[in-house]
Amino acid sequence: MQKKRTFNKQLLIPLAALVALAVFNFIVDPSFFKITLVKNSSGNPVLLGNPISILDNGSELAILAIGMTLVTAATGGQDISVGATIAIAGSVILRVLCGTNSKPETLQASYLTAFLVACVVAMFFGAFNGILVAYFKIQPMVATLIMFTAGRPIAAWINNNELPIIKQASFKYFGGFIPGIPIPTPFFIAVICIVVIGLVLKFTTLGLYTQSVGINENSSKLNGIKPEFMKFLTFVILGLCVAVVGLIKVSRVATINYSNVAKDIEMDAILAVALGGNALSGGKFSMAASILGAYIIQFLTTTLYKFKVNSDALSAYKAVVVIMLVVLSAPTVRKKLAGLKAKILKKKEA
């Protein structure tokens, strides 16, 4: 019962943010929630509207939030290289599909093969970050700064600085719509990822061990857990999430822009974890809250776009939210708020 109360309390912040955004948009412009059924350029019926856009783009963030939550819980730090690694994963997919010809008439490999290769590559770079953090004891943000800096040049080098183009219409299904299904495919991909991680956390000790390492590394050692391996594993899992998002990203446009693909997405992923009520210093986490936080971040982004906020200013707005959440999650602030709550309750009782 206590566990259930704690879980519900953690969901309070993201749910409150969701309600606040929904009420604000409903008051200012009720048409924000309008959904229409139209035919796309291929003649297939698809749903369009801000809520659909939130589900579509928020699904990428939800997938990333899965891996970022585990990394944060285990290491007490964040991976700031996910955007650059997404560029690498997307570049690998295009390279495998196109081969040496950047604009092939026929693909050189199947979509599954290209995706699996991208998974291996993304997990390799995740493992690289994990080794630096777990075994060389480098602070996560500093360790991942290497890939943050080098990732996009590596992505461009993979395809010889060319921009491969996939002409097959079916490739866009992963980041767009499957004919006959009006809901964006990324939402279904996200649901699959959420179900998989839910089953993993339920039937394995991954969640328990990750939280144990994040709460007290030395105590976890005494209980037979290997903190270094758990930290390493979380980065590898994040690498797998990155590969999935990389597939969605390049599928949307059937090509890649090395400098802009997934730009600043790492900030949104970190913010999703924080908005979910998870302490950025590590320890206990709620995967459901992080995933909900991811869709709320996209809700905020869509709202800002709706009201014509300059795209260059989006990061500034989100930075303010990050600062507020980090301050509120600080132990000192939480302690003071708890004391204030206790005083108010005492006055009421008196």
Protein backbone atom coordinates (compact mmCIF):
# COMPACT_ATOMS: atom_id res chain seq x y z
CA MET A 1 0.00 0.00 0.00
CA GLN A 2 2.83 2.38 0.90
CA LYS A 3 4.52 1.66 -2.44
CA LYS A 4 1.31 2.49 -4.28
CA ARG A 5 0.96 5.82 -2.43
CA THR A 6 4.57 6.72 -3.26
CA PHE A 7 4.02 5.89 -6.92
CA ASN A 8 0.87 8.01 -7.10
CA LYS A 9 2.68 10.89 -5.38
CA GLN A 10 5.44 10.78 -8.00
CA LEU A 11 2.88 10.93 -10.80
CA LEU A 12 1.41 14.08 -9.24
CA ILE A 13 3.90 16.50 -10.88
CA PRO A 14 3.55 15.23 -14.48
CA LEU A 15 -0.23 14.90 -14.14
CA ALA A 16 -0.47 18.44 -12.77
CA ALA A 17 1.67 19.69 -15.69
CA LEU A 18 -0.54 17.82 -18.16
CA VAL A 19 -3.73 19.30 -16.71
CA ALA A 20 -2.22 22.81 -16.65
CA LEU A 21 -1.21 22.61 -20.32
CA ALA A 22 -4.57 21.15 -21.35
CA VAL A 23 -6.56 23.82 -19.47
CA PHE A 24 -4.36 26.64 -20.82
CA ASN A 25 -4.79 25.50 -24.42
CA PHE A 26 -8.51 24.89 -24.00
CA ILE A 27 -9.06 28.41 -22.63
CA VAL A 28 -6.81 30.24 -25.10
CA ASP A 29 -7.69 28.24 -28.21
CA PRO A 30 -10.08 25.25 -28.01
CA SER A 31 -9.26 24.41 -31.65
CA PHE A 32 -5.88 23.21 -30.38
CA PHE A 33 -7.49 19.81 -29.72
CA LYS A 34 -9.17 19.51 -33.12
CA ILE A 35 -8.41 16.28 -35.00
CA THR A 36 -9.29 15.81 -38.67
CA LEU A 37 -9.24 12.81 -40.97
CA VAL A 38 -7.66 13.67 -44.33
CA LYS A 39 -5.94 11.88 -47.17
CA ASN A 40 -2.18 12.19 -47.49
CA SER A 41 -0.18 12.49 -50.71
CA SER A 42 -0.47 8.73 -51.22
CA GLY A 43 -4.25 8.85 -50.97
CA ASN A 44 -4.38 7.09 -47.59
CA PRO A 45 -6.59 8.40 -44.76
CA VAL A 46 -4.56 9.82 -41.84
CA LEU A 47 -5.39 11.73 -38.67
CA LEU A 48 -3.96 15.24 -38.32
CA GLY A 49 -4.02 17.75 -35.48
CA ASN A 50 -2.01 18.88 -32.50
CA PRO A 51 -2.93 15.86 -30.32
CA ILE A 52 -1.76 13.54 -33.11
CA SER A 53 1.45 15.55 -33.47
CA ILE A 54 2.06 15.14 -29.74
CA LEU A 55 1.58 11.38 -29.96
CA ASP A 56 3.78 11.21 -33.05
CA ASN A 57 6.80 13.25 -32.00
CA GLY A 58 6.40 12.51 -28.30
CA SER A 59 6.82 8.80 -29.02
CA GLU A 60 10.45 9.36 -30.04
CA LEU A 61 11.05 11.11 -26.73
CA ALA A 62 9.22 8.40 -24.77
CA ILE A 63 11.53 5.73 -26.24
CA LEU A 64 14.60 7.78 -25.31
CA ALA A 65 13.19 8.45 -21.83
CA ILE A 66 13.20 4.70 -21.15
CA GLY A 67 16.97 4.45 -21.52
CA MET A 68 17.68 7.87 -19.98
CA THR A 69 15.68 6.96 -16.88
CA LEU A 70 17.78 3.85 -16.29
CA VAL A 71 21.06 5.73 -16.85
CA THR A 72 19.99 8.50 -14.49
CA ALA A 73 18.83 6.06 -11.81
CA ALA A 74 22.03 3.99 -11.88
CA THR A 75 24.66 6.70 -12.33
CA GLY A 76 23.12 9.87 -10.97
CA GLY A 77 24.08 11.53 -14.25
CA GLN A 78 22.77 11.96 -17.77
CA ASP A 79 23.87 11.08 -21.29
CA ILE A 80 24.12 14.27 -23.36
CA SER A 81 25.27 12.42 -26.48
CA VAL A 82 21.99 10.74 -27.49
CA GLY A 83 21.26 13.26 -30.26
CA ALA A 84 24.68 12.72 -31.84
CA THR A 85 24.36 8.94 -31.47
CA ILE A 86 20.94 9.06 -33.14
CA ALA A 87 22.69 10.72 -36.09
CA ILE A 88 25.20 7.84 -36.15
CA ALA A 89 22.46 5.18 -35.97
CA GLY A 90 20.48 6.86 -38.74
CA SER A 91 23.58 7.22 -40.88
CA VAL A 92 24.39 3.52 -40.42
CA ILE A 93 20.86 2.52 -41.50
CA LEU A 94 21.17 4.59 -44.68
CA ARG A 95 24.66 3.26 -45.38
CA VAL A 96 23.56 -0.36 -45.10
CA LEU A 97 20.48 0.23 -47.26
CA CYS A 98 22.26 2.29 -49.93
CA GLY A 99 25.69 0.66 -49.99
CA THR A 100 28.21 2.74 -51.93
CA ASN A 101 25.54 4.47 -54.04
CA SER A 102 23.89 7.34 -52.19
CA LYS A 103 20.78 7.21 -54.40
CA PRO A 104 20.22 3.53 -55.26
CA GLU A 105 17.36 2.32 -57.39
CA THR A 106 17.27 -0.92 -55.41
CA LEU A 107 18.19 -1.36 -51.76
CA GLN A 108 21.34 -3.29 -50.87
CA ALA A 109 19.86 -4.87 -47.73
CA SER A 110 16.55 -5.39 -45.96
CA TYR A 111 15.16 -2.89 -43.47
CA LEU A 112 15.57 -5.45 -40.68
CA THR A 113 19.25 -5.99 -41.49
CA ALA A 114 19.93 -2.25 -41.55
CA PHE A 115 18.12 -1.76 -38.24
CA LEU A 116 19.97 -4.63 -36.53
CA VAL A 117 23.33 -3.25 -37.68
CA ALA A 118 22.33 0.16 -36.34
CA CYS A 119 21.38 -1.46 -33.02
CA VAL A 120 24.82 -3.06 -32.74
CA VAL A 121 26.58 0.20 -33.57
CA ALA A 122 24.46 2.32 -31.21
CA MET A 123 24.90 -0.21 -28.41
CA PHE A 124 28.65 -0.17 -29.06
CA PHE A 125 28.78 3.59 -28.56
CA GLY A 126 26.54 3.19 -25.52
CA ALA A 127 28.98 0.63 -24.20
CA PHE A 128 31.82 3.08 -24.82
CA ASN A 129 30.09 5.67 -22.67
CA GLY A 130 29.25 3.01 -20.09
CA ILE A 131 32.88 1.91 -19.77
CA LEU A 132 34.05 5.47 -19.21
CA VAL A 133 31.42 6.02 -16.51
CA ALA A 134 31.38 2.63 -14.81
CA TYR A 135 35.00 1.50 -14.94
CA PHE A 136 36.95 4.75 -15.35
CA LYS A 137 34.69 6.59 -12.88
CA ILE A 138 34.21 9.61 -15.16
CA GLN A 139 31.17 11.74 -14.42
CA PRO A 140 28.43 10.81 -16.99
CA MET A 141 27.97 14.27 -18.46
CA VAL A 142 31.73 14.64 -18.96
CA ALA A 143 32.14 11.12 -20.37
CA THR A 144 29.31 11.54 -22.89
CA LEU A 145 30.63 14.95 -23.92
CA ILE A 146 33.10 13.02 -26.11
CA MET A 147 30.35 11.53 -28.26
CA PHE A 148 28.35 14.74 -28.08
CA THR A 149 31.28 16.44 -29.82
CA ALA A 150 32.40 13.67 -32.17
CA GLY A 151 29.12 11.90 -32.97
CA ARG A 152 27.83 14.02 -35.84
CA PRO A 153 31.19 14.15 -37.68
CA ILE A 154 31.31 10.35 -37.32
CA ALA A 155 27.79 10.12 -38.77
CA ALA A 156 28.83 12.24 -41.77
CA TRP A 157 32.02 10.20 -42.23
CA ILE A 158 30.02 6.93 -42.38
CA ASN A 159 28.38 8.12 -45.60
CA ASN A 160 31.39 10.05 -46.93
CA ASN A 161 29.65 13.35 -46.19
CA GLU A 162 26.97 12.49 -48.76
CA LEU A 163 23.22 12.65 -48.14
CA PRO A 164 21.80 9.22 -49.06
CA ILE A 165 18.21 9.17 -50.28
CA ILE A 166 15.86 6.18 -50.03
CA LYS A 167 13.37 6.23 -52.90
CA GLN A 168 11.24 3.30 -51.73
CA ALA A 169 7.96 4.63 -50.30
CA SER A 170 7.74 1.77 -47.80
CA PHE A 171 10.77 3.10 -45.92
CA LYS A 172 8.70 6.06 -44.73
CA TYR A 173 6.23 3.78 -43.00
CA PHE A 174 8.43 3.62 -39.85
CA GLY A 175 8.33 7.37 -39.31
CA GLY A 176 5.02 8.10 -41.00
CA PHE A 177 1.84 6.13 -41.60
CA ILE A 178 1.26 2.55 -42.63
CA PRO A 179 -1.39 2.49 -45.43
CA GLY A 180 -4.81 1.88 -43.92
CA ILE A 181 -3.78 2.92 -40.40
CA PRO A 182 -4.49 6.61 -39.67
CA ILE A 183 -2.38 6.75 -36.48
CA PRO A 184 1.38 7.50 -36.84
CA THR A 185 3.62 4.42 -36.76
CA PRO A 186 6.05 5.89 -34.14
CA PHE A 187 3.25 5.68 -31.58
CA PHE A 188 2.95 1.91 -32.12
CA ILE A 189 6.73 1.52 -31.98
CA ALA A 190 6.74 3.39 -28.67
CA VAL A 191 3.97 1.16 -27.32
CA ILE A 192 6.02 -1.93 -28.20
CA CYS A 193 9.09 -0.47 -26.43
CA ILE A 194 7.00 0.45 -23.37
CA VAL A 195 5.50 -3.03 -23.17
CA VAL A 196 8.93 -4.65 -23.51
CA ILE A 197 10.55 -2.54 -20.79
CA GLY A 198 7.49 -3.06 -18.60
CA LEU A 199 7.85 -6.84 -18.89
CA VAL A 200 11.61 -6.63 -18.30
CA LEU A 201 11.16 -4.57 -15.14
CA LYS A 202 8.40 -6.85 -13.92
CA PHE A 203 10.05 -10.22 -14.50
CA THR A 204 13.74 -9.40 -13.99
CA THR A 205 15.81 -7.67 -11.31
CA LEU A 206 16.91 -4.85 -13.64
CA GLY A 207 14.82 -2.19 -11.92
CA LEU A 208 15.69 -3.32 -8.41
CA TYR A 209 19.43 -3.55 -9.09
CA THR A 210 19.49 -0.23 -10.94
CA GLN A 211 17.80 1.56 -8.06
CA SER A 212 20.03 -0.18 -5.52
CA VAL A 213 23.19 0.98 -7.29
CA GLY A 214 21.86 4.52 -7.59
CA ILE A 215 20.81 4.74 -3.94
CA ASN A 216 23.96 3.29 -2.38
CA GLU A 217 26.67 1.77 -4.55
CA ASN A 218 28.67 0.37 -1.62
CA SER A 219 25.65 -1.32 -0.05
CA SER A 220 24.69 -2.86 -3.39
CA LYS A 221 28.17 -4.39 -3.57
CA LEU A 222 27.68 -6.00 -0.16
CA ASN A 223 24.45 -7.54 -1.48
CA GLY A 224 26.22 -9.19 -4.41
CA ILE A 225 25.34 -6.63 -7.08
CA LYS A 226 28.04 -5.43 -9.46
CA PRO A 227 27.57 -1.64 -9.70
CA GLU A 228 29.99 -1.27 -12.59
CA PHE A 229 28.14 -3.82 -14.70
CA MET A 230 24.73 -2.31 -13.91
CA LYS A 231 25.89 1.18 -14.94
CA PHE A 232 27.43 -0.26 -18.09
CA LEU A 233 24.21 -2.16 -18.89
CA THR A 234 22.02 0.94 -18.60
CA PHE A 235 24.13 2.75 -21.19
CA VAL A 236 23.87 -0.23 -23.54
CA ILE A 237 20.08 -0.25 -23.14
CA LEU A 238 20.01 3.47 -23.87
CA GLY A 239 22.03 2.73 -27.01
CA LEU A 240 19.31 0.33 -28.13
CA CYS A 241 16.66 3.02 -27.56
CA VAL A 242 18.79 5.42 -29.60
CA ALA A 243 18.86 2.98 -32.54
CA VAL A 244 15.04 2.78 -32.55
CA VAL A 245 14.72 6.57 -32.58
CA GLY A 246 17.41 6.74 -35.28
CA LEU A 247 15.27 4.52 -37.51
CA ILE A 248 12.22 6.74 -36.97
CA LYS A 249 14.19 9.93 -37.63
CA VAL A 250 15.67 8.90 -40.99
CA SER A 251 12.44 7.22 -42.04
CA ARG A 252 10.51 10.47 -41.69
CA VAL A 253 12.50 12.19 -44.45
CA ALA A 254 14.11 9.17 -46.19
CA THR A 255 17.50 10.88 -45.78
CA ILE A 256 19.50 12.61 -43.04
CA ASN A 257 20.78 16.04 -42.09
CA TYR A 258 23.81 15.32 -39.94
CA SER A 259 23.90 18.67 -38.15
CA ASN A 260 20.18 19.00 -37.41
CA VAL A 261 18.81 15.49 -36.89
CA ALA A 262 17.72 15.03 -33.27
CA LYS A 263 19.24 18.38 -32.37
CA ASP A 264 18.82 19.18 -28.63
CA ILE A 265 16.77 16.02 -28.10
CA GLU A 266 19.01 15.08 -25.16
CA MET A 267 17.68 18.07 -23.24
CA ASP A 268 14.09 16.97 -23.80
CA ALA A 269 14.93 13.41 -22.69
CA ILE A 270 16.55 14.66 -19.48
CA LEU A 271 13.63 17.00 -18.87
CA ALA A 272 11.18 14.11 -19.34
CA VAL A 273 12.97 12.16 -16.60
CA ALA A 274 12.95 15.19 -14.28
CA LEU A 275 9.31 16.03 -15.03
CA GLY A 276 8.47 12.43 -14.12
CA GLY A 277 9.55 13.23 -10.56
CA ASN A 278 12.72 11.14 -10.78
CA ALA A 279 15.70 12.54 -8.90
CA LEU A 280 18.46 13.51 -11.33
CA SER A 281 20.93 12.44 -8.63
CA GLY A 282 19.90 8.80 -9.13
CA GLY A 283 18.10 6.14 -7.12
CA LYS A 284 14.41 5.29 -7.22
CA PHE A 285 12.55 5.89 -10.45
CA SER A 286 9.17 5.54 -12.08
CA MET A 287 9.35 4.50 -15.72
CA ALA A 288 5.66 5.30 -16.22
CA ALA A 289 6.21 8.84 -14.93
CA SER A 290 9.18 9.38 -17.25
CA ILE A 291 7.20 8.21 -20.28
CA LEU A 292 4.30 10.47 -19.31
CA GLY A 293 6.82 13.27 -18.85
CA ALA A 294 8.08 12.71 -22.41
CA TYR A 295 4.63 13.28 -23.89
CA ILE A 296 4.12 16.34 -21.69
CA ILE A 297 7.39 17.83 -22.95
CA GLN A 298 6.14 17.35 -26.50
CA PHE A 299 2.80 18.86 -25.42
CA LEU A 300 4.74 21.92 -24.20
CA THR A 301 6.78 22.08 -27.43
CA THR A 302 3.65 21.84 -29.60
CA THR A 303 1.98 24.53 -27.51
CA LEU A 304 4.94 26.88 -27.95
CA TYR A 305 4.94 26.26 -31.70
CA LYS A 306 1.19 26.81 -31.81
CA PHE A 307 1.65 30.26 -30.31
CA LYS A 308 4.43 31.06 -32.75
CA VAL A 309 7.35 31.01 -30.33
CA ASN A 310 10.60 31.20 -32.30
CA SER A 311 12.24 27.77 -32.57
CA ASP A 312 15.52 29.27 -31.37
CA ALA A 313 13.81 30.32 -28.15
CA LEU A 314 12.35 26.90 -27.33
CA SER A 315 15.47 25.79 -25.47
CA ALA A 316 15.30 28.88 -23.25
CA TYR A 317 11.72 28.07 -22.19
CA LYS A 318 12.63 24.46 -21.51
CA ALA A 319 15.75 25.50 -19.61
CA VAL A 320 13.55 27.46 -17.21
CA VAL A 321 11.45 24.34 -16.64
CA VAL A 322 14.60 22.27 -16.05
CA ILE A 323 15.87 24.75 -13.47
CA MET A 324 12.53 24.74 -11.65
CA LEU A 325 12.37 20.95 -11.58
CA VAL A 326 15.96 20.51 -10.45
CA VAL A 327 15.48 23.04 -7.65
CA LEU A 328 12.22 21.41 -6.52
CA SER A 329 13.85 17.95 -6.55
CA ALA A 330 16.81 19.12 -4.44
CA PRO A 331 16.86 17.41 -1.00
CA THR A 332 17.14 20.77 0.81
CA VAL A 333 14.09 22.21 -0.92
CA ARG A 334 12.07 19.04 -0.43
CA LYS A 335 12.95 19.04 3.26
CA LYS A 336 11.81 22.65 3.66
CA LEU A 337 8.59 22.01 1.76
CA ALA A 338 7.89 18.97 3.95
CA GLY A 339 8.47 21.10 7.05
CA LEU A 340 6.17 23.80 5.72
CA LYS A 341 3.48 21.21 5.00
CA ALA A 342 3.80 19.83 8.54
CA LYS A 343 3.39 23.32 10.03
CA ILE A 344 0.26 23.98 7.95
CA LEU A 345 -1.25 20.64 9.04
CA LYS A 346 -0.52 21.44 12.69
CA LYS A 347 -2.25 24.82 12.41
CA LYS A 348 -5.30 23.19 10.85
CA GLU A 349 -5.47 20.60 13.62
CA ALA A 350 -5.16 23.33 16.24
